[in-house]
Each structure stands twice: as structure tokens, then as C-alpha cells.
Amino acid sequence: MLGDALPELPDWAVQDFGWAWAPEMLSPSEGEYVMYFTARFAIGFDGTQCIGVATSEDPAGPFTSFNPEPFICQTDRGGSIDPSSFVDADGQRYVLWKNDGNSSGYQVWLYIQRVSADGLTLEGEPHQLLTVDQRWEGNLVEAPTLWQQDGKYYLFYSANAYNDRRYATGYAVADDIFGPYVKAEEPLIATDLAAGLVGPGGQDVVADDDGETWIMFHGWAPDGYRRLYLAPLEWQKGVPTLGLNGRDPLPMP
């Protein structure tokens, strides 16, 4: 276990312990390592959460954030949370996020926007990717993860209430990075009581040294704690599926 990756919050953020979360680290094509994070905005917007950016020469940190303002902060849409990064095949870098509309009565969208090669500057305009339109999603979509497979873009996301069995992971597919994205009819990962898995979400996708893809996500375990799980992610005619072959997802220590 390493030390605190962001020991000092920027001046714009609430300084109380526990109000910084959802880190996402980017290894840029130039410059230092970049970490996007969520914190509460302390200036004029009570409880609003925004996205900050910090840098470090070492991926183990510590990261520092000197920006006097948040990196992304949609105060007119409830705030901004859940940052994630994506690097396209041509090397162009992007940041994705969710406006925190469900916290204050606004419609919730997942967004994407270009960033500079060093990951520190937003470029162009933000694009809305998808919003709530399926019953299983409840009143929110969140935690975007973008993955490119066989020339198509797969936007994985979580939806519904994270603290109970309704939380699940879905995905949508597009030919262009800005969409339109077409959602799958059912969640990719949902509560499976037989497997001891409740409310799976907060996913990320990785590839191992052999080129095989895996999906990581958290869920409520039988002991009442949220645990990290790992499952193989297979692709069958453009459709992502869990390659469990009758096995349960692997709980990580």
C-alpha cells in the first residue's frame, strides 16, 4: 500500500478528509503523469462536486494540483464527477465524465471532450454521449469507461443506486467516438445472488500482456462490504460478454 497520492487538495476544494475521490491516472504522451479526481467545490456552491487535475513525475505520487479553479465544473448542471481518460488509435486524448445532476434535480448525461497531449488543457467543446432512457437505469448513469475494439467504440457505464441490488453495468456501441451510441438492451453485469454478487458497477477495462481483455468492477459481497471483482471480457461478433464459463467472478484481495 502506497501513501496518499494527493496529500494536499487545491484551494478551490473543501479540505475536509473524505471529500476527494474517484482518481483516474493518465500517462500522457508528453510531460508528467496526470491524475483527474473529484472534490467538493468550496467557493459559492454548497456541496457541488467538481473535477480537478494534478501532476507528478512519479506514478506513485505524490501528485500536486496548483490550478486555482476546477478542471471541469458544471455548476449549472449539478456539478461534475467520475472522470476517466481515453487515448484513441491516432493518439488523441480525451476525458469523460458525468454531470452530477441527480444530486440536484438536473438531467444526467455522460460527456466526452478532447484534451491536449499533456492532459492538462481541454480542447474543443464537450459532447453529450448518453443519458437515462432504460428502466433498469433508474434515475442516473455514471462511471463512464471508453474502450475501442475492432474499430468500434464501446462505452461502458454504471446505472441506478450503487448501495443496493439495482446497481448494474451496461454498455453502448458507436462507430464514431462522439456517437451516436446504441445501448445494449440488458446490463452486461447485474446482481447474481447465486454468485454472491450484488450491485456490480464502477467498472474499468484492461488488457493483459497476452492481449486478453478483462473487466474490473466493485460489488457488494456476502460479508456486507464492497469488494473488487475481476472477470474475463470476451468479444463475440462485436458483443462483449463475460467469459466465466460457469465460474463466478474472481474477488480480488
Protein backbone atom coordinates (compact mmCIF):
# COMPACT_ATOMS: atom_id res chain seq x y z
CA MET A 1 0.00 0.00 0.00
CA LEU A 2 1.45 3.33 -1.09
CA GLY A 3 1.00 6.69 0.62
CA ASP A 4 -1.61 9.36 -0.04
CA ALA A 5 -1.47 10.14 -3.77
CA LEU A 6 -2.87 13.66 -3.28
CA PRO A 7 -1.84 14.79 0.22
CA GLU A 8 -2.78 18.45 -0.37
CA LEU A 9 -6.00 19.47 -2.06
CA PRO A 10 -6.15 22.63 -4.20
CA ASP A 11 -7.50 25.84 -2.69
CA TRP A 12 -10.81 25.58 -4.56
CA ALA A 13 -11.66 22.26 -2.87
CA VAL A 14 -13.20 21.53 0.52
CA GLN A 15 -10.26 20.49 2.69
CA ASP A 16 -12.08 18.03 4.98
CA PHE A 17 -10.89 14.44 4.89
CA GLY A 18 -13.02 12.22 2.67
CA TRP A 19 -14.14 14.78 0.08
CA ALA A 20 -11.63 13.75 -2.58
CA TRP A 21 -12.27 10.54 -4.50
CA ALA A 22 -12.62 8.77 -7.91
CA PRO A 23 -8.99 9.17 -9.10
CA GLU A 24 -8.03 8.41 -12.70
CA MET A 25 -4.37 8.44 -13.74
CA LEU A 26 -3.19 9.20 -17.28
CA SER A 27 0.28 8.61 -18.69
CA PRO A 28 0.49 11.45 -21.21
CA SER A 29 2.45 11.48 -24.46
CA GLU A 30 4.48 14.36 -23.04
CA GLY A 31 5.11 15.87 -19.63
CA GLU A 32 4.28 14.43 -16.24
CA TYR A 33 1.78 11.83 -15.08
CA VAL A 34 -1.71 13.30 -14.75
CA MET A 35 -4.40 12.42 -12.24
CA TYR A 36 -8.00 13.54 -12.54
CA PHE A 37 -10.00 13.48 -9.31
CA THR A 38 -13.31 14.59 -7.82
CA ALA A 39 -13.62 17.01 -4.89
CA ARG A 40 -16.22 19.32 -3.40
CA PHE A 41 -16.12 22.92 -4.60
CA ALA A 42 -15.67 25.18 -1.58
CA ILE A 43 -16.42 28.52 -3.24
CA GLY A 44 -20.04 29.59 -3.51
CA PHE A 45 -21.69 26.28 -4.40
CA ASP A 46 -22.55 24.31 -1.27
CA GLY A 47 -21.96 20.61 -1.80
CA THR A 48 -21.26 20.82 -5.54
CA GLN A 49 -18.63 18.36 -6.74
CA CYS A 50 -16.12 19.18 -9.48
CA ILE A 51 -13.21 17.54 -11.28
CA GLY A 52 -9.65 18.63 -10.62
CA VAL A 53 -6.32 17.77 -12.21
CA ALA A 54 -2.96 17.09 -10.58
CA THR A 55 0.51 16.09 -11.82
CA SER A 56 3.52 14.08 -10.64
CA GLU A 57 6.83 12.95 -12.07
CA ASP A 58 6.27 9.56 -10.41
CA PRO A 59 3.10 7.47 -10.93
CA ALA A 60 3.30 6.58 -7.24
CA GLY A 61 2.93 10.26 -6.37
CA PRO A 62 2.64 12.48 -4.57
CA PHE A 63 0.53 14.46 -7.04
CA THR A 64 0.10 18.21 -6.72
CA SER A 65 -2.66 20.46 -8.04
CA PHE A 66 -1.92 24.16 -8.42
CA ASN A 67 -4.93 25.15 -10.52
CA PRO A 68 -6.92 27.95 -8.86
CA GLU A 69 -10.13 26.61 -10.45
CA PRO A 70 -11.53 23.13 -11.09
CA PHE A 71 -10.67 21.42 -14.38
CA ILE A 72 -14.35 20.62 -15.13
CA CYS A 73 -17.20 22.05 -13.07
CA GLN A 74 -20.73 22.24 -14.48
CA THR A 75 -22.26 24.24 -11.65
CA ASP A 76 -25.33 24.89 -13.82
CA ARG A 77 -25.90 21.12 -14.17
CA GLY A 78 -25.31 19.90 -10.62
CA GLY A 79 -21.53 19.59 -10.81
CA SER A 80 -19.14 17.13 -12.50
CA ILE A 81 -17.80 13.79 -11.21
CA ASP A 82 -16.44 10.37 -12.29
CA PRO A 83 -13.56 11.39 -14.59
CA SER A 84 -11.97 8.80 -16.86
CA SER A 85 -9.47 9.05 -19.70
CA PHE A 86 -9.21 7.54 -23.17
CA VAL A 87 -6.50 7.55 -25.83
CA ASP A 88 -7.71 6.93 -29.38
CA ALA A 89 -5.84 4.92 -32.02
CA ASP A 90 -4.50 8.16 -33.54
CA GLY A 91 -3.06 9.27 -30.18
CA GLN A 92 -5.71 11.92 -29.48
CA ARG A 93 -6.55 12.07 -25.78
CA TYR A 94 -9.96 12.55 -24.20
CA VAL A 95 -11.56 12.90 -20.79
CA LEU A 96 -15.02 11.52 -19.97
CA TRP A 97 -17.25 12.36 -17.02
CA LYS A 98 -20.78 12.63 -15.67
CA ASN A 99 -22.65 15.77 -14.69
CA ASP A 100 -23.88 15.20 -11.14
CA GLY A 101 -27.45 16.17 -11.99
CA ASN A 102 -29.19 13.54 -9.87
CA SER A 103 -27.85 15.31 -6.76
CA SER A 104 -29.81 18.47 -7.50
CA GLY A 105 -32.66 17.78 -9.92
CA TYR A 106 -30.90 18.11 -13.30
CA GLN A 107 -30.86 15.60 -16.14
CA VAL A 108 -27.78 13.36 -16.06
CA TRP A 109 -25.51 12.89 -19.08
CA LEU A 110 -22.17 11.25 -19.80
CA TYR A 111 -19.76 13.61 -21.58
CA ILE A 112 -16.52 13.46 -23.54
CA GLN A 113 -14.07 16.20 -24.54
CA ARG A 114 -10.65 16.35 -26.20
CA VAL A 115 -7.61 17.20 -24.08
CA SER A 116 -4.11 18.32 -25.00
CA ALA A 117 -1.19 15.92 -25.35
CA ASP A 118 -0.12 16.62 -21.76
CA GLY A 119 -3.67 16.02 -20.49
CA LEU A 120 -3.90 19.42 -18.79
CA THR A 121 -5.95 21.52 -21.21
CA LEU A 122 -9.47 20.94 -22.53
CA GLU A 123 -9.80 21.33 -26.29
CA GLY A 124 -12.92 21.94 -28.38
CA GLU A 125 -16.38 21.53 -26.87
CA PRO A 126 -17.85 18.82 -24.64
CA HIS A 127 -20.11 16.25 -26.31
CA GLN A 128 -23.06 14.54 -24.67
CA LEU A 129 -22.89 10.78 -25.20
CA LEU A 130 -25.89 9.21 -23.47
CA THR A 131 -28.44 9.70 -20.71
CA VAL A 132 -31.04 7.68 -18.81
CA ASP A 133 -33.65 6.05 -21.07
CA GLN A 134 -33.99 2.45 -19.85
CA ARG A 135 -35.96 1.18 -16.88
CA TRP A 136 -33.05 -0.68 -15.26
CA GLU A 137 -31.00 2.56 -15.15
CA GLY A 138 -33.20 4.23 -12.53
CA ASN A 139 -32.52 7.98 -12.45
CA LEU A 140 -28.81 8.09 -13.26
CA VAL A 141 -25.96 6.89 -15.43
CA GLU A 142 -22.37 7.30 -14.23
CA ALA A 143 -18.78 6.00 -14.23
CA PRO A 144 -18.05 6.09 -18.00
CA THR A 145 -15.34 3.80 -19.39
CA LEU A 146 -14.50 4.02 -23.11
CA TRP A 147 -12.86 1.09 -24.92
CA GLN A 148 -12.05 0.56 -28.60
CA GLN A 149 -12.39 -2.93 -30.04
CA ASP A 150 -12.21 -3.93 -33.72
CA GLY A 151 -12.77 -0.38 -34.92
CA LYS A 152 -15.82 0.33 -32.76
CA TYR A 153 -16.19 2.35 -29.56
CA TYR A 154 -17.70 0.66 -26.51
CA LEU A 155 -18.93 2.95 -23.75
CA PHE A 156 -19.33 1.00 -20.51
CA TYR A 157 -21.21 2.71 -17.70
CA SER A 158 -22.93 2.08 -14.36
CA ALA A 159 -26.50 3.00 -13.51
CA ASN A 160 -29.09 3.05 -10.73
CA ALA A 161 -28.50 3.05 -6.94
CA TYR A 162 -24.94 1.95 -6.03
CA ASN A 163 -25.96 0.96 -2.48
CA ASP A 164 -28.35 -1.87 -3.36
CA ARG A 165 -29.03 -4.70 -5.81
CA ARG A 166 -30.35 -2.42 -8.57
CA TYR A 167 -26.88 -1.13 -9.45
CA ALA A 168 -25.57 -2.68 -12.68
CA THR A 169 -23.12 -2.21 -15.56
CA GLY A 170 -24.29 -1.59 -19.12
CA TYR A 171 -22.67 -0.62 -22.40
CA ALA A 172 -23.39 1.18 -25.67
CA VAL A 173 -21.66 0.96 -29.07
CA ALA A 174 -20.78 3.57 -31.72
CA ASP A 175 -18.81 3.81 -34.95
CA ASP A 176 -17.66 7.35 -34.11
CA ILE A 177 -16.16 8.41 -30.80
CA PHE A 178 -18.78 11.15 -30.41
CA GLY A 179 -21.64 8.78 -31.20
CA PRO A 180 -24.45 8.18 -31.63
CA TYR A 181 -24.16 5.33 -29.11
CA VAL A 182 -26.63 2.45 -29.24
CA LYS A 183 -27.27 0.79 -25.88
CA ALA A 184 -27.50 -2.94 -25.26
CA GLU A 185 -31.00 -3.98 -24.24
CA GLU A 186 -29.86 -5.53 -20.94
CA PRO A 187 -27.00 -4.85 -18.50
CA LEU A 188 -23.70 -6.62 -19.09
CA ILE A 189 -23.28 -7.30 -15.36
CA ALA A 190 -26.14 -7.34 -12.87
CA THR A 191 -26.89 -8.75 -9.43
CA ASP A 192 -26.36 -12.51 -9.27
CA LEU A 193 -27.33 -13.86 -5.87
CA ALA A 194 -26.17 -17.38 -6.75
CA ALA A 195 -22.67 -15.99 -7.37
CA GLY A 196 -22.83 -13.88 -4.21
CA LEU A 197 -22.63 -10.66 -6.23
CA VAL A 198 -24.90 -7.69 -5.54
CA GLY A 199 -24.91 -4.30 -7.30
CA PRO A 200 -21.90 -4.63 -9.67
CA GLY A 201 -20.61 -1.34 -11.09
CA GLY A 202 -17.79 1.20 -11.16
CA GLN A 203 -16.13 -0.78 -13.93
CA ASP A 204 -12.88 -0.45 -15.84
CA VAL A 205 -11.44 -2.47 -18.73
CA VAL A 206 -7.81 -3.55 -19.12
CA ALA A 207 -5.75 -5.73 -21.45
CA ASP A 208 -3.10 -8.13 -20.20
CA ASP A 209 0.28 -8.91 -21.77
CA ASP A 210 -1.34 -11.55 -23.99
CA GLY A 211 -3.87 -9.08 -25.37
CA GLU A 212 -6.79 -10.61 -23.48
CA THR A 213 -9.30 -8.13 -22.06
CA TRP A 214 -10.64 -8.11 -18.51
CA ILE A 215 -13.30 -6.08 -16.75
CA MET A 216 -12.88 -4.96 -13.14
CA PHE A 217 -15.81 -3.76 -11.06
CA HIS A 218 -16.97 -3.45 -7.47
CA GLY A 219 -19.98 -5.10 -5.86
CA TRP A 220 -21.47 -5.99 -2.51
CA ALA A 221 -20.08 -9.28 -1.21
CA PRO A 222 -21.89 -11.65 1.21
CA ASP A 223 -19.91 -10.18 4.12
CA GLY A 224 -21.60 -6.79 3.58
CA TYR A 225 -18.57 -4.99 2.16
CA ARG A 226 -17.98 -3.68 -1.33
CA ARG A 227 -15.26 -5.76 -2.97
CA LEU A 228 -13.29 -5.53 -6.19
CA TYR A 229 -14.02 -8.25 -8.75
CA LEU A 230 -12.32 -9.35 -11.95
CA ALA A 231 -13.78 -11.24 -14.91
CA PRO A 232 -12.56 -12.07 -18.43
CA LEU A 233 -14.20 -9.93 -21.12
CA GLU A 234 -14.76 -11.76 -24.40
CA TRP A 235 -16.00 -10.44 -27.75
CA GLN A 236 -18.45 -12.46 -29.81
CA LYS A 237 -19.35 -10.82 -33.14
CA GLY A 238 -18.94 -7.37 -31.63
CA VAL A 239 -20.81 -8.17 -28.44
CA PRO A 240 -18.89 -8.05 -25.12
CA THR A 241 -19.64 -10.97 -22.80
CA LEU A 242 -18.24 -12.27 -19.52
CA GLY A 243 -16.11 -15.32 -20.27
CA LEU A 244 -16.80 -17.05 -16.97
CA ASN A 245 -17.86 -20.45 -18.38
CA GLY A 246 -19.95 -21.22 -15.33
CA ARG A 247 -17.48 -19.75 -12.85
CA ASP A 248 -18.12 -16.85 -10.51
CA PRO A 249 -16.26 -13.53 -10.94
CA LEU A 250 -12.94 -13.56 -9.13
CA PRO A 251 -12.88 -11.50 -5.94
CA MET A 252 -9.67 -9.52 -5.60
CA PRO A 253 -7.87 -9.17 -2.23
